């Protein structure tokens, strides 16, 4: 996964996390690790 895709994934995950908790499909385990 490229750095750009990682940042995109993190940003989208934060937005989705605010709107629809919990949503583990947005970014797989990455949100659990970094979010």
PDB file of N, CA and C in Angstrom:
ATOM      1  N   UNK A   1       0.851  -1.192   0.000  1.00  0.00           N
ATOM      2  CA  UNK A   1       0.000   0.000   0.000  1.00  0.00           C
ATOM      3  C   UNK A   1       0.885   1.240   0.000  1.00  0.00           C
ATOM      4  N   UNK A   2       0.611   2.151  -0.894  1.00  0.00           N
ATOM      5  CA  UNK A   2       1.411   3.363  -0.981  1.00  0.00           C
ATOM      6  C   UNK A   2       1.063   4.313   0.164  1.00  0.00           C
ATOM      7  N   UNK A   3       1.977   5.249   0.410  1.00  0.00           N
ATOM      8  CA  UNK A   3       1.755   6.203   1.496  1.00  0.00           C
ATOM      9  C   UNK A   3       0.506   7.039   1.240  1.00  0.00           C
ATOM     10  N   UNK A   4       0.307   7.452  -0.011  1.00  0.00           N
ATOM     11  CA  UNK A   4      -0.869   8.251  -0.345  1.00  0.00           C
ATOM     12  C   UNK A   4      -2.149   7.481  -0.037  1.00  0.00           C
ATOM     13  N   UNK A   5      -2.186   6.227  -0.425  1.00  0.00           N
ATOM     14  CA  UNK A   5      -3.374   5.418  -0.164  1.00  0.00           C
ATOM     15  C   UNK A   5      -3.587   5.242   1.331  1.00  0.00           C
ATOM     16  N   UNK A   6      -2.482   5.102   2.076  1.00  0.00           N
ATOM     17  CA  UNK A   6      -2.605   4.957   3.524  1.00  0.00           C
ATOM     18  C   UNK A   6      -3.232   6.198   4.142  1.00  0.00           C
ATOM     19  N   UNK A   7      -2.762   7.382   3.719  1.00  0.00           N
ATOM     20  CA  UNK A   7      -3.311   8.632   4.259  1.00  0.00           C
ATOM     21  C   UNK A   7      -4.771   8.778   3.869  1.00  0.00           C
ATOM     22  N   UNK A   8      -5.090   8.459   2.634  1.00  0.00           N
ATOM     23  CA  UNK A   8      -6.491   8.510   2.190  1.00  0.00           C
ATOM     24  C   UNK A   8      -7.351   7.599   3.047  1.00  0.00           C
ATOM     25  N   UNK A   9      -6.873   6.400   3.270  1.00  0.00           N
ATOM     26  CA  UNK A   9      -7.615   5.415   4.047  1.00  0.00           C
ATOM     27  C   UNK A   9      -7.826   5.921   5.463  1.00  0.00           C
ATOM     28  N   UNK A  10      -6.797   6.497   6.047  1.00  0.00           N
ATOM     29  CA  UNK A  10      -6.906   7.000   7.417  1.00  0.00           C
ATOM     30  C   UNK A  10      -7.918   8.138   7.494  1.00  0.00           C
ATOM     31  N   UNK A  11      -7.846   9.060   6.536  1.00  0.00           N
ATOM     32  CA  UNK A  11      -8.752  10.203   6.545  1.00  0.00           C
ATOM     33  C   UNK A  11     -10.202   9.751   6.377  1.00  0.00           C
ATOM     34  N   UNK A  12     -10.429   8.859   5.413  1.00  0.00           N
ATOM     35  CA  UNK A  12     -11.781   8.349   5.184  1.00  0.00           C
ATOM     36  C   UNK A  12     -12.277   7.604   6.415  1.00  0.00           C
ATOM     37  N   UNK A  13     -11.394   6.839   7.037  1.00  0.00           N
ATOM     38  CA  UNK A  13     -11.785   6.084   8.216  1.00  0.00           C
ATOM     39  C   UNK A  13     -12.207   7.008   9.345  1.00  0.00           C
ATOM     40  N   UNK A  14     -11.478   8.116   9.532  1.00  0.00           N
ATOM     41  CA  UNK A  14     -11.844   9.059  10.590  1.00  0.00           C
ATOM     42  C   UNK A  14     -13.207   9.661  10.316  1.00  0.00           C
ATOM     43  N   UNK A  15     -13.467  10.020   9.053  1.00  0.00           N
ATOM     44  CA  UNK A  15     -14.758  10.606   8.691  1.00  0.00           C
ATOM     45  C   UNK A  15     -15.874   9.591   8.928  1.00  0.00           C
ATOM     46  N   UNK A  16     -15.671   8.380   8.430  1.00  0.00           N
ATOM     47  CA  UNK A  16     -16.695   7.350   8.578  1.00  0.00           C
ATOM     48  C   UNK A  16     -16.889   7.007  10.053  1.00  0.00           C
ATOM     49  N   UNK A  17     -15.781   6.987  10.795  1.00  0.00           N
ATOM     50  CA  UNK A  17     -15.871   6.668  12.220  1.00  0.00           C
ATOM     51  C   UNK A  17     -16.750   7.680  12.933  1.00  0.00           C
ATOM     52  N   UNK A  18     -16.656   8.952  12.544  1.00  0.00           N
ATOM     53  CA  UNK A  18     -17.496   9.975  13.155  1.00  0.00           C
ATOM     54  C   UNK A  18     -18.960   9.811  12.762  1.00  0.00           C
ATOM     55  N   UNK A  19     -19.187   9.381  11.517  1.00  0.00           N
ATOM     56  CA  UNK A  19     -20.565   9.323  11.013  1.00  0.00           C
ATOM     57  C   UNK A  19     -21.253   8.008  11.354  1.00  0.00           C
ATOM     58  N   UNK A  20     -20.495   6.930  11.365  1.00  0.00           N
ATOM     59  CA  UNK A  20     -21.118   5.615  11.485  1.00  0.00           C
ATOM     60  C   UNK A  20     -20.216   4.707  12.316  1.00  0.00           C
ATOM     61  N   UNK A  21     -20.423   4.707  13.623  1.00  0.00           N
ATOM     62  CA  UNK A  21     -19.608   3.898  14.533  1.00  0.00           C
ATOM     63  C   UNK A  21     -20.381   2.650  14.921  1.00  0.00           C
ATOM     64  N   UNK A  22     -19.745   1.468  14.958  1.00  0.00           N
ATOM     65  CA  UNK A  22     -18.406   1.276  14.425  1.00  0.00           C
ATOM     66  C   UNK A  22     -18.460   0.876  12.962  1.00  0.00           C
ATOM     67  N   UNK A  23     -17.426   1.155  12.222  1.00  0.00           N
ATOM     68  CA  UNK A  23     -17.376   0.736  10.818  1.00  0.00           C
ATOM     69  C   UNK A  23     -15.986   0.185  10.542  1.00  0.00           C
ATOM     70  N   UNK A  24     -15.837  -1.128  10.705  1.00  0.00           N
ATOM     71  CA  UNK A  24     -14.528  -1.753  10.576  1.00  0.00           C
ATOM     72  C   UNK A  24     -14.194  -2.105   9.134  1.00  0.00           C
ATOM     73  N   UNK A  25     -15.143  -1.830   8.219  1.00  0.00           N
ATOM     74  CA  UNK A  25     -14.908  -2.188   6.824  1.00  0.00           C
ATOM     75  C   UNK A  25     -14.163  -1.085   6.080  1.00  0.00           C
ATOM     76  N   UNK A  26     -14.155   0.115   6.628  1.00  0.00           N
ATOM     77  CA  UNK A  26     -13.586   1.254   5.911  1.00  0.00           C
ATOM     78  C   UNK A  26     -12.095   1.059   5.657  1.00  0.00           C
ATOM     79  N   UNK A  27     -11.393   0.498   6.650  1.00  0.00           N
ATOM     80  CA  UNK A  27      -9.945   0.444   6.526  1.00  0.00           C
ATOM     81  C   UNK A  27      -9.383  -0.838   7.132  1.00  0.00           C
ATOM     82  N   UNK A  28     -10.201  -1.829   7.320  1.00  0.00           N
ATOM     83  CA  UNK A  28      -9.710  -3.067   7.893  1.00  0.00           C
ATOM     84  C   UNK A  28      -9.142  -2.858   9.280  1.00  0.00           C
ATOM     85  N   UNK A  29      -7.979  -3.439   9.534  1.00  0.00           N
ATOM     86  CA  UNK A  29      -7.374  -3.375  10.856  1.00  0.00           C
ATOM     87  C   UNK A  29      -6.570  -2.108  11.073  1.00  0.00           C
ATOM     88  N   UNK A  30      -6.330  -1.334  10.021  1.00  0.00           N
ATOM     89  CA  UNK A  30      -5.487  -0.158  10.162  1.00  0.00           C
ATOM     90  C   UNK A  30      -6.078   0.843  11.137  1.00  0.00           C
ATOM     91  N   UNK A  31      -7.388   1.009  11.092  1.00  0.00           N
ATOM     92  CA  UNK A  31      -8.011   1.960  12.008  1.00  0.00           C
ATOM     93  C   UNK A  31      -7.844   1.484  13.446  1.00  0.00           C
ATOM     94  N   UNK A  32      -7.929   0.189  13.649  1.00  0.00           N
ATOM     95  CA  UNK A  32      -7.765  -0.358  14.987  1.00  0.00           C
ATOM     96  C   UNK A  32      -6.344  -0.107  15.491  1.00  0.00           C
ATOM     97  N   UNK A  33      -5.380  -0.132  14.564  1.00  0.00           N
ATOM     98  CA  UNK A  33      -3.985   0.053  14.954  1.00  0.00           C
ATOM     99  C   UNK A  33      -3.631   1.515  15.150  1.00  0.00           C
ATOM    100  N   UNK A  34      -4.159   2.391  14.279  1.00  0.00           N
ATOM    101  CA  UNK A  34      -3.712   3.782  14.255  1.00  0.00           C
ATOM    102  C   UNK A  34      -4.805   4.772  14.617  1.00  0.00           C
ATOM    103  N   UNK A  35      -6.064   4.308  14.722  1.00  0.00           N
ATOM    104  CA  UNK A  35      -7.161   5.242  14.865  1.00  0.00           C
ATOM    105  C   UNK A  35      -7.668   5.398  16.271  1.00  0.00           C
TER     106      UNK A  35
END
